[in-house]
């Protein structure tokens, strides 16, 4: 019997990015949330923010950008998106 490879946060991130690029935002959100359960990461919070922003879920997007900046205050893209949707 073949051993199943463990699923990593990176696996979920890659699938989430695929869905994000293909405008399947609900699926992207699910994948990024699974990645965050395994490994909280500023870049993943940023990606999740992008998916929420694209879904017109502004409040959730703002929350994700803030979480990204809490973990990495130098994540310029998150700061720019937060500023853009907060005005």
PDB file of N, CA and C in Angstrom:
ATOM      1  N   UNK A   1       0.838  -1.184   0.000  1.00  0.00           N
ATOM      2  CA  UNK A   1       0.000   0.000   0.000  1.00  0.00           C
ATOM      3  C   UNK A   1       0.881   1.244   0.000  1.00  0.00           C
ATOM      4  N   UNK A   2       0.542   2.182  -0.852  1.00  0.00           N
ATOM      5  CA  UNK A   2       1.331   3.398  -0.998  1.00  0.00           C
ATOM      6  C   UNK A   2       1.079   4.349   0.164  1.00  0.00           C
ATOM      7  N   UNK A   3       2.172   4.887   0.723  1.00  0.00           N
ATOM      8  CA  UNK A   3       2.042   5.861   1.806  1.00  0.00           C
ATOM      9  C   UNK A   3       1.601   7.197   1.243  1.00  0.00           C
ATOM     10  N   UNK A   4       0.665   7.831   1.932  1.00  0.00           N
ATOM     11  CA  UNK A   4       0.179   9.131   1.493  1.00  0.00           C
ATOM     12  C   UNK A   4       1.136  10.223   1.966  1.00  0.00           C
ATOM     13  N   UNK A   5       1.490  11.098   1.041  1.00  0.00           N
ATOM     14  CA  UNK A   5       2.381  12.204   1.370  1.00  0.00           C
ATOM     15  C   UNK A   5       1.640  13.203   2.257  1.00  0.00           C
ATOM     16  N   UNK A   6       2.272  13.665   3.330  1.00  0.00           N
ATOM     17  CA  UNK A   6       1.592  14.647   4.175  1.00  0.00           C
ATOM     18  C   UNK A   6       1.363  15.955   3.417  1.00  0.00           C
ATOM     19  N   UNK A   7       0.233  16.547   3.664  1.00  0.00           N
ATOM     20  CA  UNK A   7      -0.090  17.818   3.024  1.00  0.00           C
ATOM     21  C   UNK A   7       0.543  18.929   3.852  1.00  0.00           C
ATOM     22  N   UNK A   8       1.242  19.820   3.171  1.00  0.00           N
ATOM     23  CA  UNK A   8       1.917  20.917   3.863  1.00  0.00           C
ATOM     24  C   UNK A   8       1.188  22.236   3.617  1.00  0.00           C
ATOM     25  N   UNK A   9       1.545  23.230   4.395  1.00  0.00           N
ATOM     26  CA  UNK A   9       0.986  24.565   4.197  1.00  0.00           C
ATOM     27  C   UNK A   9       1.282  25.039   2.778  1.00  0.00           C
ATOM     28  N   UNK A  10       2.483  24.738   2.291  1.00  0.00           N
ATOM     29  CA  UNK A  10       2.869  25.164   0.941  1.00  0.00           C
ATOM     30  C   UNK A  10       1.953  24.554  -0.116  1.00  0.00           C
ATOM     31  N   UNK A  11       1.516  23.320   0.086  1.00  0.00           N
ATOM     32  CA  UNK A  11       0.584  22.685  -0.852  1.00  0.00           C
ATOM     33  C   UNK A  11      -0.709  23.495  -0.941  1.00  0.00           C
ATOM     34  N   UNK A  12      -1.243  23.871   0.214  1.00  0.00           N
ATOM     35  CA  UNK A  12      -2.477  24.661   0.234  1.00  0.00           C
ATOM     36  C   UNK A  12      -2.264  26.037  -0.391  1.00  0.00           C
ATOM     37  N   UNK A  13      -1.101  26.628  -0.142  1.00  0.00           N
ATOM     38  CA  UNK A  13      -0.798  27.948  -0.702  1.00  0.00           C
ATOM     39  C   UNK A  13      -0.792  27.885  -2.224  1.00  0.00           C
ATOM     40  N   UNK A  14      -0.134  26.877  -2.765  1.00  0.00           N
ATOM     41  CA  UNK A  14      -0.043  26.753  -4.221  1.00  0.00           C
ATOM     42  C   UNK A  14      -1.413  26.542  -4.853  1.00  0.00           C
ATOM     43  N   UNK A  15      -2.236  25.721  -4.241  1.00  0.00           N
ATOM     44  CA  UNK A  15      -3.590  25.503  -4.760  1.00  0.00           C
ATOM     45  C   UNK A  15      -4.402  26.793  -4.628  1.00  0.00           C
ATOM     46  N   UNK A  16      -4.253  27.480  -3.503  1.00  0.00           N
ATOM     47  CA  UNK A  16      -4.945  28.750  -3.302  1.00  0.00           C
ATOM     48  C   UNK A  16      -4.555  29.783  -4.337  1.00  0.00           C
ATOM     49  N   UNK A  17      -3.270  29.851  -4.661  1.00  0.00           N
ATOM     50  CA  UNK A  17      -2.811  30.800  -5.678  1.00  0.00           C
ATOM     51  C   UNK A  17      -3.385  30.455  -7.044  1.00  0.00           C
ATOM     52  N   UNK A  18      -3.478  29.165  -7.343  1.00  0.00           N
ATOM     53  CA  UNK A  18      -4.088  28.731  -8.601  1.00  0.00           C
ATOM     54  C   UNK A  18      -5.534  29.220  -8.687  1.00  0.00           C
ATOM     55  N   UNK A  19      -6.298  28.997  -7.606  1.00  0.00           N
ATOM     56  CA  UNK A  19      -7.690  29.437  -7.595  1.00  0.00           C
ATOM     57  C   UNK A  19      -7.788  30.958  -7.679  1.00  0.00           C
ATOM     58  N   UNK A  20      -6.908  31.664  -6.991  1.00  0.00           N
ATOM     59  CA  UNK A  20      -6.924  33.128  -7.016  1.00  0.00           C
ATOM     60  C   UNK A  20      -6.692  33.636  -8.436  1.00  0.00           C
ATOM     61  N   UNK A  21      -5.707  33.071  -9.116  1.00  0.00           N
ATOM     62  CA  UNK A  21      -5.408  33.475 -10.493  1.00  0.00           C
ATOM     63  C   UNK A  21      -6.555  33.167 -11.445  1.00  0.00           C
ATOM     64  N   UNK A  22      -7.308  32.123 -11.126  1.00  0.00           N
ATOM     65  CA  UNK A  22      -8.427  31.721 -11.979  1.00  0.00           C
ATOM     66  C   UNK A  22      -9.764  32.283 -11.502  1.00  0.00           C
ATOM     67  N   UNK A  23      -9.690  33.272 -10.623  1.00  0.00           N
ATOM     68  CA  UNK A  23     -10.855  34.007 -10.127  1.00  0.00           C
ATOM     69  C   UNK A  23     -11.883  33.116  -9.433  1.00  0.00           C
ATOM     70  N   UNK A  24     -11.423  32.063  -8.804  1.00  0.00           N
ATOM     71  CA  UNK A  24     -12.288  31.194  -7.992  1.00  0.00           C
ATOM     72  C   UNK A  24     -11.990  31.541  -6.534  1.00  0.00           C
ATOM     73  N   UNK A  25     -12.512  32.702  -6.133  1.00  0.00           N
ATOM     74  CA  UNK A  25     -12.114  33.305  -4.867  1.00  0.00           C
ATOM     75  C   UNK A  25     -12.552  32.513  -3.641  1.00  0.00           C
ATOM     76  N   UNK A  26     -13.746  31.941  -3.665  1.00  0.00           N
ATOM     77  CA  UNK A  26     -14.220  31.164  -2.511  1.00  0.00           C
ATOM     78  C   UNK A  26     -13.302  29.967  -2.269  1.00  0.00           C
ATOM     79  N   UNK A  27     -12.881  29.313  -3.350  1.00  0.00           N
ATOM     80  CA  UNK A  27     -11.971  28.170  -3.220  1.00  0.00           C
ATOM     81  C   UNK A  27     -10.595  28.627  -2.744  1.00  0.00           C
ATOM     82  N   UNK A  28     -10.136  29.753  -3.257  1.00  0.00           N
ATOM     83  CA  UNK A  28      -8.838  30.295  -2.823  1.00  0.00           C
ATOM     84  C   UNK A  28      -8.861  30.582  -1.327  1.00  0.00           C
ATOM     85  N   UNK A  29      -9.942  31.181  -0.865  1.00  0.00           N
ATOM     86  CA  UNK A  29     -10.080  31.514   0.558  1.00  0.00           C
ATOM     87  C   UNK A  29      -9.976  30.253   1.410  1.00  0.00           C
ATOM     88  N   UNK A  30     -10.666  29.187   0.998  1.00  0.00           N
ATOM     89  CA  UNK A  30     -10.613  27.920   1.745  1.00  0.00           C
ATOM     90  C   UNK A  30      -9.186  27.391   1.840  1.00  0.00           C
ATOM     91  N   UNK A  31      -8.475  27.429   0.722  1.00  0.00           N
ATOM     92  CA  UNK A  31      -7.114  26.886   0.693  1.00  0.00           C
ATOM     93  C   UNK A  31      -6.164  27.715   1.556  1.00  0.00           C
ATOM     94  N   UNK A  32      -6.271  29.037   1.472  1.00  0.00           N
ATOM     95  CA  UNK A  32      -5.394  29.895   2.273  1.00  0.00           C
ATOM     96  C   UNK A  32      -5.676  29.727   3.763  1.00  0.00           C
ATOM     97  N   UNK A  33      -6.943  29.540   4.129  1.00  0.00           N
ATOM     98  CA  UNK A  33      -7.277  29.325   5.542  1.00  0.00           C
ATOM     99  C   UNK A  33      -6.664  28.016   6.047  1.00  0.00           C
ATOM    100  N   UNK A  34      -6.696  26.976   5.205  1.00  0.00           N
ATOM    101  CA  UNK A  34      -6.090  25.695   5.592  1.00  0.00           C
ATOM    102  C   UNK A  34      -4.584  25.855   5.778  1.00  0.00           C
ATOM    103  N   UNK A  35      -3.956  26.625   4.901  1.00  0.00           N
ATOM    104  CA  UNK A  35      -2.514  26.867   5.020  1.00  0.00           C
ATOM    105  C   UNK A  35      -2.203  27.588   6.325  1.00  0.00           C
ATOM    106  N   UNK A  36      -3.031  28.562   6.679  1.00  0.00           N
ATOM    107  CA  UNK A  36      -2.806  29.329   7.906  1.00  0.00           C
ATOM    108  C   UNK A  36      -2.991  28.482   9.157  1.00  0.00           C
ATOM    109  N   UNK A  37      -3.874  27.479   9.091  1.00  0.00           N
ATOM    110  CA  UNK A  37      -4.044  26.571  10.229  1.00  0.00           C
ATOM    111  C   UNK A  37      -2.749  25.811  10.505  1.00  0.00           C
ATOM    112  N   UNK A  38      -2.033  25.478   9.445  1.00  0.00           N
ATOM    113  CA  UNK A  38      -0.788  24.724   9.587  1.00  0.00           C
ATOM    114  C   UNK A  38       0.398  25.623   9.904  1.00  0.00           C
ATOM    115  N   UNK A  39       0.383  26.833   9.321  1.00  0.00           N
ATOM    116  CA  UNK A  39       1.537  27.721   9.486  1.00  0.00           C
ATOM    117  C   UNK A  39       1.119  29.173   9.262  1.00  0.00           C
ATOM    118  N   UNK A  40       0.903  29.924  10.336  1.00  0.00           N
ATOM    119  CA  UNK A  40       0.590  31.349  10.177  1.00  0.00           C
ATOM    120  C   UNK A  40       1.752  32.064   9.476  1.00  0.00           C
ATOM    121  N   UNK A  41       1.416  32.844   8.450  1.00  0.00           N
ATOM    122  CA  UNK A  41       2.453  33.476   7.640  1.00  0.00           C
ATOM    123  C   UNK A  41       1.919  34.778   7.048  1.00  0.00           C
ATOM    124  N   UNK A  42       2.716  35.827   7.094  1.00  0.00           N
ATOM    125  CA  UNK A  42       2.296  37.140   6.605  1.00  0.00           C
ATOM    126  C   UNK A  42       1.892  37.093   5.137  1.00  0.00           C
ATOM    127  N   UNK A  43       2.666  36.392   4.321  1.00  0.00           N
ATOM    128  CA  UNK A  43       2.389  36.334   2.891  1.00  0.00           C
ATOM    129  C   UNK A  43       1.052  35.638   2.613  1.00  0.00           C
ATOM    130  N   UNK A  44       0.715  34.636   3.412  1.00  0.00           N
ATOM    131  CA  UNK A  44      -0.559  33.932   3.224  1.00  0.00           C
ATOM    132  C   UNK A  44      -1.724  34.826   3.657  1.00  0.00           C
ATOM    133  N   UNK A  45      -1.551  35.555   4.751  1.00  0.00           N
ATOM    134  CA  UNK A  45      -2.588  36.514   5.142  1.00  0.00           C
ATOM    135  C   UNK A  45      -2.796  37.545   4.034  1.00  0.00           C
ATOM    136  N   UNK A  46      -1.711  37.966   3.412  1.00  0.00           N
ATOM    137  CA  UNK A  46      -1.807  38.916   2.294  1.00  0.00           C
ATOM    138  C   UNK A  46      -2.591  38.302   1.133  1.00  0.00           C
ATOM    139  N   UNK A  47      -2.254  37.071   0.765  1.00  0.00           N
ATOM    140  CA  UNK A  47      -2.963  36.386  -0.327  1.00  0.00           C
ATOM    141  C   UNK A  47      -4.451  36.228   0.002  1.00  0.00           C
ATOM    142  N   UNK A  48      -4.731  35.896   1.251  1.00  0.00           N
ATOM    143  CA  UNK A  48      -6.117  35.764   1.693  1.00  0.00           C
ATOM    144  C   UNK A  48      -6.825  37.111   1.585  1.00  0.00           C
ATOM    145  N   UNK A  49      -6.127  38.172   1.934  1.00  0.00           N
ATOM    146  CA  UNK A  49      -6.678  39.514   1.776  1.00  0.00           C
ATOM    147  C   UNK A  49      -7.021  39.819   0.330  1.00  0.00           C
ATOM    148  N   UNK A  50      -6.150  39.419  -0.580  1.00  0.00           N
ATOM    149  CA  UNK A  50      -6.418  39.632  -2.007  1.00  0.00           C
ATOM    150  C   UNK A  50      -7.691  38.903  -2.442  1.00  0.00           C
ATOM    151  N   UNK A  51      -7.848  37.671  -1.970  1.00  0.00           N
ATOM    152  CA  UNK A  51      -9.033  36.887  -2.332  1.00  0.00           C
ATOM    153  C   UNK A  51     -10.297  37.538  -1.776  1.00  0.00           C
ATOM    154  N   UNK A  52     -10.238  38.004  -0.526  1.00  0.00           N
ATOM    155  CA  UNK A  52     -11.394  38.693   0.050  1.00  0.00           C
ATOM    156  C   UNK A  52     -11.675  39.997  -0.693  1.00  0.00           C
ATOM    157  N   UNK A  53     -10.620  40.728  -1.015  1.00  0.00           N
ATOM    158  CA  UNK A  53     -10.800  41.997  -1.733  1.00  0.00           C
ATOM    159  C   UNK A  53     -11.463  41.757  -3.086  1.00  0.00           C
ATOM    160  N   UNK A  54     -11.014  40.733  -3.800  1.00  0.00           N
ATOM    161  CA  UNK A  54     -11.587  40.401  -5.104  1.00  0.00           C
ATOM    162  C   UNK A  54     -13.041  39.952  -4.983  1.00  0.00           C
ATOM    163  N   UNK A  55     -13.410  39.440  -3.809  1.00  0.00           N
ATOM    164  CA  UNK A  55     -14.790  39.002  -3.549  1.00  0.00           C
ATOM    165  C   UNK A  55     -15.650  40.131  -2.986  1.00  0.00           C
ATOM    166  N   UNK A  56     -15.096  41.337  -2.965  1.00  0.00           N
ATOM    167  CA  UNK A  56     -15.786  42.510  -2.407  1.00  0.00           C
ATOM    168  C   UNK A  56     -16.120  42.348  -0.930  1.00  0.00           C
ATOM    169  N   UNK A  57     -15.314  41.573  -0.220  1.00  0.00           N
ATOM    170  CA  UNK A  57     -15.462  41.422   1.229  1.00  0.00           C
ATOM    171  C   UNK A  57     -14.400  42.311   1.884  1.00  0.00           C
ATOM    172  N   UNK A  58     -14.669  43.619   1.820  1.00  0.00           N
ATOM    173  CA  UNK A  58     -13.681  44.622   2.214  1.00  0.00           C
ATOM    174  C   UNK A  58     -13.245  44.497   3.664  1.00  0.00           C
ATOM    175  N   UNK A  59     -14.184  44.300   4.578  1.00  0.00           N
ATOM    176  CA  UNK A  59     -13.833  44.214   5.996  1.00  0.00           C
ATOM    177  C   UNK A  59     -12.906  43.037   6.260  1.00  0.00           C
ATOM    178  N   UNK A  60     -13.214  41.893   5.681  1.00  0.00           N
ATOM    179  CA  UNK A  60     -12.352  40.713   5.850  1.00  0.00           C
ATOM    180  C   UNK A  60     -10.982  40.949   5.221  1.00  0.00           C
ATOM    181  N   UNK A  61     -10.965  41.597   4.056  1.00  0.00           N
ATOM    182  CA  UNK A  61      -9.692  41.902   3.398  1.00  0.00           C
ATOM    183  C   UNK A  61      -8.842  42.808   4.281  1.00  0.00           C
ATOM    184  N   UNK A  62      -9.454  43.835   4.847  1.00  0.00           N
ATOM    185  CA  UNK A  62      -8.720  44.744   5.736  1.00  0.00           C
ATOM    186  C   UNK A  62      -8.133  43.982   6.920  1.00  0.00           C
ATOM    187  N   UNK A  63      -8.924  43.093   7.505  1.00  0.00           N
ATOM    188  CA  UNK A  63      -8.450  42.295   8.645  1.00  0.00           C
ATOM    189  C   UNK A  63      -7.235  41.456   8.262  1.00  0.00           C
ATOM    190  N   UNK A  64      -7.283  40.842   7.083  1.00  0.00           N
ATOM    191  CA  UNK A  64      -6.170  39.992   6.651  1.00  0.00           C
ATOM    192  C   UNK A  64      -4.919  40.818   6.372  1.00  0.00           C
ATOM    193  N   UNK A  65      -5.082  41.984   5.751  1.00  0.00           N
ATOM    194  CA  UNK A  65      -3.921  42.848   5.495  1.00  0.00           C
ATOM    195  C   UNK A  65      -3.305  43.309   6.811  1.00  0.00           C
ATOM    196  N   UNK A  66      -4.144  43.619   7.796  1.00  0.00           N
ATOM    197  CA  UNK A  66      -3.627  44.030   9.110  1.00  0.00           C
ATOM    198  C   UNK A  66      -2.857  42.890   9.780  1.00  0.00           C
ATOM    199  N   UNK A  67      -3.398  41.667   9.676  1.00  0.00           N
ATOM    200  CA  UNK A  67      -2.702  40.513  10.264  1.00  0.00           C
ATOM    201  C   UNK A  67      -1.361  40.292   9.569  1.00  0.00           C
ATOM    202  N   UNK A  68      -1.352  40.452   8.252  1.00  0.00           N
ATOM    203  CA  UNK A  68      -0.101  40.307   7.505  1.00  0.00           C
ATOM    204  C   UNK A  68       0.925  41.324   7.991  1.00  0.00           C
ATOM    205  N   UNK A  69       0.489  42.556   8.188  1.00  0.00           N
ATOM    206  CA  UNK A  69       1.401  43.616   8.628  1.00  0.00           C
ATOM    207  C   UNK A  69       1.847  43.429  10.071  1.00  0.00           C
ATOM    208  N   UNK A  70       1.011  42.797  10.882  1.00  0.00           N
ATOM    209  CA  UNK A  70       1.405  42.499  12.258  1.00  0.00           C
ATOM    210  C   UNK A  70       2.575  41.511  12.266  1.00  0.00           C
ATOM    211  N   UNK A  71       2.522  40.535  11.360  1.00  0.00           N
ATOM    212  CA  UNK A  71       3.592  39.535  11.281  1.00  0.00           C
ATOM    213  C   UNK A  71       4.824  40.050  10.536  1.00  0.00           C
ATOM    214  N   UNK A  72       4.593  40.949   9.566  1.00  0.00           N
ATOM    215  CA  UNK A  72       5.703  41.499   8.777  1.00  0.00           C
ATOM    216  C   UNK A  72       5.386  42.942   8.422  1.00  0.00           C
ATOM    217  N   UNK A  73       5.877  43.863   9.229  1.00  0.00           N
ATOM    218  CA  UNK A  73       5.567  45.285   9.042  1.00  0.00           C
ATOM    219  C   UNK A  73       6.169  45.855   7.759  1.00  0.00           C
ATOM    220  N   UNK A  74       7.052  45.102   7.109  1.00  0.00           N
ATOM    221  CA  UNK A  74       7.686  45.571   5.873  1.00  0.00           C
ATOM    222  C   UNK A  74       6.991  45.042   4.617  1.00  0.00           C
ATOM    223  N   UNK A  75       5.855  44.410   4.785  1.00  0.00           N
ATOM    224  CA  UNK A  75       5.125  43.862   3.639  1.00  0.00           C
ATOM    225  C   UNK A  75       4.367  45.002   2.961  1.00  0.00           C
ATOM    226  N   UNK A  76       5.073  45.693   2.080  1.00  0.00           N
ATOM    227  CA  UNK A  76       4.574  46.916   1.455  1.00  0.00           C
ATOM    228  C   UNK A  76       3.262  46.685   0.707  1.00  0.00           C
ATOM    229  N   UNK A  77       3.154  45.556   0.013  1.00  0.00           N
ATOM    230  CA  UNK A  77       1.950  45.285  -0.773  1.00  0.00           C
ATOM    231  C   UNK A  77       0.708  45.271   0.103  1.00  0.00           C
ATOM    232  N   UNK A  78       0.823  44.674   1.279  1.00  0.00           N
ATOM    233  CA  UNK A  78      -0.325  44.615   2.193  1.00  0.00           C
ATOM    234  C   UNK A  78      -0.702  46.015   2.651  1.00  0.00           C
ATOM    235  N   UNK A  79       0.294  46.832   2.964  1.00  0.00           N
ATOM    236  CA  UNK A  79       0.031  48.209   3.389  1.00  0.00           C
ATOM    237  C   UNK A  79      -0.634  49.002   2.276  1.00  0.00           C
ATOM    238  N   UNK A  80      -0.181  48.804   1.047  1.00  0.00           N
ATOM    239  CA  UNK A  80      -0.757  49.522  -0.098  1.00  0.00           C
ATOM    240  C   UNK A  80      -2.208  49.119  -0.333  1.00  0.00           C
ATOM    241  N   UNK A  81      -2.484  47.830  -0.276  1.00  0.00           N
ATOM    242  CA  UNK A  81      -3.862  47.369  -0.481  1.00  0.00           C
ATOM    243  C   UNK A  81      -4.766  47.840   0.653  1.00  0.00           C
ATOM    244  N   UNK A  82      -4.265  47.800   1.874  1.00  0.00           N
ATOM    245  CA  UNK A  82      -5.045  48.263   3.018  1.00  0.00           C
ATOM    246  C   UNK A  82      -5.402  49.732   2.852  1.00  0.00           C
ATOM    247  N   UNK A  83      -4.435  50.523   2.448  1.00  0.00           N
ATOM    248  CA  UNK A  83      -4.674  51.957   2.238  1.00  0.00           C
ATOM    249  C   UNK A  83      -5.698  52.172   1.118  1.00  0.00           C
ATOM    250  N   UNK A  84      -5.549  51.416   0.030  1.00  0.00           N
ATOM    251  CA  UNK A  84      -6.430  51.557  -1.135  1.00  0.00           C
ATOM    252  C   UNK A  84      -7.890  51.265  -0.784  1.00  0.00           C
ATOM    253  N   UNK A  85      -8.132  50.212  -0.001  1.00  0.00           N
ATOM    254  CA  UNK A  85      -9.525  49.836   0.275  1.00  0.00           C
ATOM    255  C   UNK A  85     -10.085  50.516   1.516  1.00  0.00           C
ATOM    256  N   UNK A  86      -9.238  51.253   2.231  1.00  0.00           N
ATOM    257  CA  UNK A  86      -9.705  51.938   3.437  1.00  0.00           C
ATOM    258  C   UNK A  86     -10.100  53.382   3.165  1.00  0.00           C
ATOM    259  N   UNK A  87      -9.921  53.832   1.929  1.00  0.00           N
ATOM    260  CA  UNK A  87     -10.247  55.234   1.617  1.00  0.00           C
ATOM    261  C   UNK A  87     -11.583  55.363   0.947  1.00  0.00           C
TER     262      UNK A  87
END
